[in-house]
């Protein structure tokens, strides 16, 4: 099986947004939320679910910025004060394993060349299967039920 590493989003782009008023957030299509349950509010920076009572922003994010037919954006949650997390090589957390996941493999031209939907407990095997194809440059995980981008998976 190939080695892989999950990478959260860089927190620097999101920190200034927490200083905006709700009206200012609304103008950019974002909303302020407070987590009411755990799980339920997955932070794309820390790769952890927010704890009940934590402040988050729900905002649009371009998760596939490449100039390809798969250019895409979607909603993500980001926790106040979260810092970018890169998991240890081969590590999966409950952030992934307790969800139904869409696993999307991209080539170097940012085209999807394979994809599947699986329970989070078998994501590790699915990542390995996809990385067995030498044409797969990277993988995106999405929460399958709502379709939201979860994180990027790099070869390690």
C-alpha atoms as a PDB file:
ATOM      1  CA  UNK A   1       0.000   0.000   0.000  1.00  0.00           C
ATOM      2  CA  UNK A   2       1.201   3.490  -0.819  1.00  0.00           C
ATOM      3  CA  UNK A   3       1.923   6.027   1.891  1.00  0.00           C
ATOM      4  CA  UNK A   4      -0.378   9.008   2.111  1.00  0.00           C
ATOM      5  CA  UNK A   5      -0.859  12.134   4.175  1.00  0.00           C
ATOM      6  CA  UNK A   6      -3.981  14.205   4.853  1.00  0.00           C
ATOM      7  CA  UNK A   7      -3.510  17.970   4.855  1.00  0.00           C
ATOM      8  CA  UNK A   8      -5.831  20.623   6.279  1.00  0.00           C
ATOM      9  CA  UNK A   9      -6.287  24.057   4.775  1.00  0.00           C
ATOM     10  CA  UNK A  10      -3.948  26.916   5.667  1.00  0.00           C
ATOM     11  CA  UNK A  11      -5.523  28.914   8.494  1.00  0.00           C
ATOM     12  CA  UNK A  12      -3.992  32.257   7.472  1.00  0.00           C
ATOM     13  CA  UNK A  13      -6.636  32.996   4.839  1.00  0.00           C
ATOM     14  CA  UNK A  14      -9.494  32.507   7.305  1.00  0.00           C
ATOM     15  CA  UNK A  15      -8.277  34.272  10.468  1.00  0.00           C
ATOM     16  CA  UNK A  16      -9.189  37.830   9.328  1.00  0.00           C
ATOM     17  CA  UNK A  17     -12.736  36.701   8.502  1.00  0.00           C
ATOM     18  CA  UNK A  18     -13.534  36.120  12.179  1.00  0.00           C
ATOM     19  CA  UNK A  19     -13.144  39.884  12.746  1.00  0.00           C
ATOM     20  CA  UNK A  20     -15.913  40.692  10.248  1.00  0.00           C
ATOM     21  CA  UNK A  21     -19.440  41.530  11.351  1.00  0.00           C
ATOM     22  CA  UNK A  22     -22.267  39.168  10.451  1.00  0.00           C
ATOM     23  CA  UNK A  23     -23.373  41.696   7.809  1.00  0.00           C
ATOM     24  CA  UNK A  24     -19.895  41.760   6.269  1.00  0.00           C
ATOM     25  CA  UNK A  25     -19.771  37.961   6.300  1.00  0.00           C
ATOM     26  CA  UNK A  26     -23.134  37.826   4.557  1.00  0.00           C
ATOM     27  CA  UNK A  27     -21.763  39.958   1.701  1.00  0.00           C
ATOM     28  CA  UNK A  28     -19.183  37.258   0.930  1.00  0.00           C
ATOM     29  CA  UNK A  29     -21.653  34.405   1.332  1.00  0.00           C
ATOM     30  CA  UNK A  30     -20.404  33.376   4.771  1.00  0.00           C
ATOM     31  CA  UNK A  31     -22.159  32.769   8.086  1.00  0.00           C
ATOM     32  CA  UNK A  32     -21.086  32.614  11.728  1.00  0.00           C
ATOM     33  CA  UNK A  33     -22.135  29.444  13.579  1.00  0.00           C
ATOM     34  CA  UNK A  34     -21.734  27.901  17.013  1.00  0.00           C
ATOM     35  CA  UNK A  35     -21.305  24.133  17.116  1.00  0.00           C
ATOM     36  CA  UNK A  36     -24.344  22.495  18.685  1.00  0.00           C
ATOM     37  CA  UNK A  37     -23.056  18.913  18.567  1.00  0.00           C
ATOM     38  CA  UNK A  38     -19.935  16.837  18.068  1.00  0.00           C
ATOM     39  CA  UNK A  39     -19.670  15.423  15.457  1.00  0.00           C
ATOM     40  CA  UNK A  40     -21.430  17.699  13.033  1.00  0.00           C
ATOM     41  CA  UNK A  41     -19.160  20.683  12.410  1.00  0.00           C
ATOM     42  CA  UNK A  42     -15.981  19.414  10.702  1.00  0.00           C
ATOM     43  CA  UNK A  43     -13.204  22.029  10.563  1.00  0.00           C
ATOM     44  CA  UNK A  44     -11.245  21.865   7.292  1.00  0.00           C
ATOM     45  CA  UNK A  45      -8.190  23.493   8.870  1.00  0.00           C
ATOM     46  CA  UNK A  46      -7.703  21.340  11.984  1.00  0.00           C
ATOM     47  CA  UNK A  47      -9.233  18.163  10.500  1.00  0.00           C
ATOM     48  CA  UNK A  48     -11.261  17.757  13.685  1.00  0.00           C
ATOM     49  CA  UNK A  49     -14.899  18.219  14.549  1.00  0.00           C
ATOM     50  CA  UNK A  50     -15.603  21.345  16.558  1.00  0.00           C
ATOM     51  CA  UNK A  51     -16.626  20.865  20.173  1.00  0.00           C
ATOM     52  CA  UNK A  52     -20.053  22.006  21.263  1.00  0.00           C
ATOM     53  CA  UNK A  53     -20.021  25.781  21.823  1.00  0.00           C
ATOM     54  CA  UNK A  54     -17.070  26.540  19.527  1.00  0.00           C
ATOM     55  CA  UNK A  55     -17.410  29.351  16.996  1.00  0.00           C
ATOM     56  CA  UNK A  56     -17.049  28.527  13.310  1.00  0.00           C
ATOM     57  CA  UNK A  57     -17.527  30.155   9.963  1.00  0.00           C
ATOM     58  CA  UNK A  58     -19.437  28.445   7.183  1.00  0.00           C
ATOM     59  CA  UNK A  59     -18.178  29.877   3.925  1.00  0.00           C
ATOM     60  CA  UNK A  60     -17.678  29.096   0.248  1.00  0.00           C
ATOM     61  CA  UNK A  61     -14.233  27.788  -0.642  1.00  0.00           C
ATOM     62  CA  UNK A  62     -12.642  26.994  -4.004  1.00  0.00           C
ATOM     63  CA  UNK A  63     -11.261  23.533  -3.260  1.00  0.00           C
ATOM     64  CA  UNK A  64     -10.346  22.749  -6.865  1.00  0.00           C
ATOM     65  CA  UNK A  65      -8.821  25.961  -8.252  1.00  0.00           C
ATOM     66  CA  UNK A  66      -7.216  24.379 -11.336  1.00  0.00           C
ATOM     67  CA  UNK A  67      -8.260  25.454 -14.812  1.00  0.00           C
ATOM     68  CA  UNK A  68     -10.014  22.223 -15.690  1.00  0.00           C
ATOM     69  CA  UNK A  69     -13.622  21.082 -16.078  1.00  0.00           C
ATOM     70  CA  UNK A  70     -13.405  20.003 -12.424  1.00  0.00           C
ATOM     71  CA  UNK A  71     -12.808  23.534 -11.120  1.00  0.00           C
ATOM     72  CA  UNK A  72     -15.087  23.620  -8.076  1.00  0.00           C
ATOM     73  CA  UNK A  73     -16.071  25.303  -4.853  1.00  0.00           C
ATOM     74  CA  UNK A  74     -18.345  24.464  -1.996  1.00  0.00           C
ATOM     75  CA  UNK A  75     -19.150  25.182   1.649  1.00  0.00           C
ATOM     76  CA  UNK A  76     -16.676  24.482   4.435  1.00  0.00           C
ATOM     77  CA  UNK A  77     -16.545  25.024   8.198  1.00  0.00           C
ATOM     78  CA  UNK A  78     -13.507  26.649   9.818  1.00  0.00           C
ATOM     79  CA  UNK A  79     -13.110  26.944  13.620  1.00  0.00           C
ATOM     80  CA  UNK A  80     -11.943  30.149  15.275  1.00  0.00           C
ATOM     81  CA  UNK A  81      -8.302  29.764  16.273  1.00  0.00           C
ATOM     82  CA  UNK A  82      -7.753  26.557  14.302  1.00  0.00           C
ATOM     83  CA  UNK A  83      -4.274  25.925  12.944  1.00  0.00           C
ATOM     84  CA  UNK A  84      -3.423  24.002   9.797  1.00  0.00           C
ATOM     85  CA  UNK A  85      -2.982  20.340  10.544  1.00  0.00           C
ATOM     86  CA  UNK A  86      -1.017  17.817   8.557  1.00  0.00           C
ATOM     87  CA  UNK A  87      -1.614  14.309   9.824  1.00  0.00           C
ATOM     88  CA  UNK A  88       1.167  11.800  10.296  1.00  0.00           C
ATOM     89  CA  UNK A  89       1.870   9.622   7.263  1.00  0.00           C
ATOM     90  CA  UNK A  90      -0.864   6.972   7.013  1.00  0.00           C
ATOM     91  CA  UNK A  91      -2.943   8.540   9.817  1.00  0.00           C
ATOM     92  CA  UNK A  92      -6.722   8.820   9.641  1.00  0.00           C
ATOM     93  CA  UNK A  93      -8.844  10.392  12.354  1.00  0.00           C
ATOM     94  CA  UNK A  94     -12.504  10.182  13.318  1.00  0.00           C
ATOM     95  CA  UNK A  95     -12.957  13.309  11.209  1.00  0.00           C
ATOM     96  CA  UNK A  96     -12.764  10.865   8.264  1.00  0.00           C
ATOM     97  CA  UNK A  97     -13.490   7.420   9.681  1.00  0.00           C
ATOM     98  CA  UNK A  98     -16.924   8.200  11.109  1.00  0.00           C
ATOM     99  CA  UNK A  99     -18.306   9.651   7.856  1.00  0.00           C
ATOM    100  CA  UNK A 100     -19.423   8.370   4.482  1.00  0.00           C
ATOM    101  CA  UNK A 101     -16.719   9.715   2.163  1.00  0.00           C
ATOM    102  CA  UNK A 102     -16.418  10.481  -1.519  1.00  0.00           C
ATOM    103  CA  UNK A 103     -12.861   9.726  -2.617  1.00  0.00           C
ATOM    104  CA  UNK A 104     -11.813  11.518  -5.826  1.00  0.00           C
ATOM    105  CA  UNK A 105      -8.519  10.837  -7.599  1.00  0.00           C
ATOM    106  CA  UNK A 106      -6.996  13.519  -9.851  1.00  0.00           C
ATOM    107  CA  UNK A 107      -4.178  13.315 -12.371  1.00  0.00           C
ATOM    108  CA  UNK A 108      -1.487  15.950 -12.950  1.00  0.00           C
ATOM    109  CA  UNK A 109      -3.833  17.823 -15.336  1.00  0.00           C
ATOM    110  CA  UNK A 110      -6.430  18.062 -12.509  1.00  0.00           C
ATOM    111  CA  UNK A 111      -8.847  15.677 -14.208  1.00  0.00           C
ATOM    112  CA  UNK A 112     -10.757  13.132 -12.126  1.00  0.00           C
ATOM    113  CA  UNK A 113      -9.586   9.734 -13.287  1.00  0.00           C
ATOM    114  CA  UNK A 114     -11.258   7.578 -10.632  1.00  0.00           C
ATOM    115  CA  UNK A 115     -13.671   8.036  -7.752  1.00  0.00           C
ATOM    116  CA  UNK A 116     -15.703   6.091  -5.241  1.00  0.00           C
ATOM    117  CA  UNK A 117     -17.936   6.453  -2.218  1.00  0.00           C
ATOM    118  CA  UNK A 118     -17.147   4.399   0.875  1.00  0.00           C
ATOM    119  CA  UNK A 119     -17.590   4.259   4.613  1.00  0.00           C
ATOM    120  CA  UNK A 120     -14.853   6.148   6.412  1.00  0.00           C
ATOM    121  CA  UNK A 121     -13.519   2.983   8.020  1.00  0.00           C
ATOM    122  CA  UNK A 122     -12.363   1.729   4.605  1.00  0.00           C
ATOM    123  CA  UNK A 123     -10.984   5.031   3.265  1.00  0.00           C
ATOM    124  CA  UNK A 124      -7.427   3.854   3.969  1.00  0.00           C
ATOM    125  CA  UNK A 125      -7.826   0.878   1.614  1.00  0.00           C
ATOM    126  CA  UNK A 126      -9.523   3.042  -1.008  1.00  0.00           C
ATOM    127  CA  UNK A 127      -6.699   5.599  -0.915  1.00  0.00           C
ATOM    128  CA  UNK A 128      -4.240   2.739  -1.387  1.00  0.00           C
ATOM    129  CA  UNK A 129      -6.211   1.356  -4.319  1.00  0.00           C
ATOM    130  CA  UNK A 130      -6.322   4.743  -6.016  1.00  0.00           C
ATOM    131  CA  UNK A 131      -2.636   5.483  -5.441  1.00  0.00           C
ATOM    132  CA  UNK A 132      -1.801   2.097  -7.003  1.00  0.00           C
ATOM    133  CA  UNK A 133      -2.504   3.926 -10.261  1.00  0.00           C
ATOM    134  CA  UNK A 134       0.685   5.860 -11.036  1.00  0.00           C
ATOM    135  CA  UNK A 135      -1.371   8.488 -12.909  1.00  0.00           C
ATOM    136  CA  UNK A 136      -3.065   9.618  -9.680  1.00  0.00           C
ATOM    137  CA  UNK A 137      -1.320  12.805  -8.546  1.00  0.00           C
ATOM    138  CA  UNK A 138      -3.502  13.563  -5.506  1.00  0.00           C
ATOM    139  CA  UNK A 139      -6.865  12.755  -3.950  1.00  0.00           C
ATOM    140  CA  UNK A 140      -9.657  14.878  -2.515  1.00  0.00           C
ATOM    141  CA  UNK A 141     -11.943  13.596   0.209  1.00  0.00           C
ATOM    142  CA  UNK A 142     -15.478  14.966   0.382  1.00  0.00           C
ATOM    143  CA  UNK A 143     -18.203  14.313   2.915  1.00  0.00           C
ATOM    144  CA  UNK A 144     -20.471  12.258   0.691  1.00  0.00           C
ATOM    145  CA  UNK A 145     -23.822  13.117   2.254  1.00  0.00           C
ATOM    146  CA  UNK A 146     -23.547  16.890   1.791  1.00  0.00           C
ATOM    147  CA  UNK A 147     -20.813  16.866  -0.832  1.00  0.00           C
ATOM    148  CA  UNK A 148     -18.571  19.265   1.084  1.00  0.00           C
ATOM    149  CA  UNK A 149     -14.819  19.230   0.540  1.00  0.00           C
ATOM    150  CA  UNK A 150     -13.072  17.567   3.464  1.00  0.00           C
ATOM    151  CA  UNK A 151      -9.331  17.560   2.757  1.00  0.00           C
ATOM    152  CA  UNK A 152      -6.559  16.813   0.306  1.00  0.00           C
ATOM    153  CA  UNK A 153      -4.600  13.556   0.353  1.00  0.00           C
ATOM    154  CA  UNK A 154      -1.023  13.660  -0.889  1.00  0.00           C
ATOM    155  CA  UNK A 155       1.367  10.830  -1.623  1.00  0.00           C
ATOM    156  CA  UNK A 156       3.923  10.656   1.171  1.00  0.00           C
END
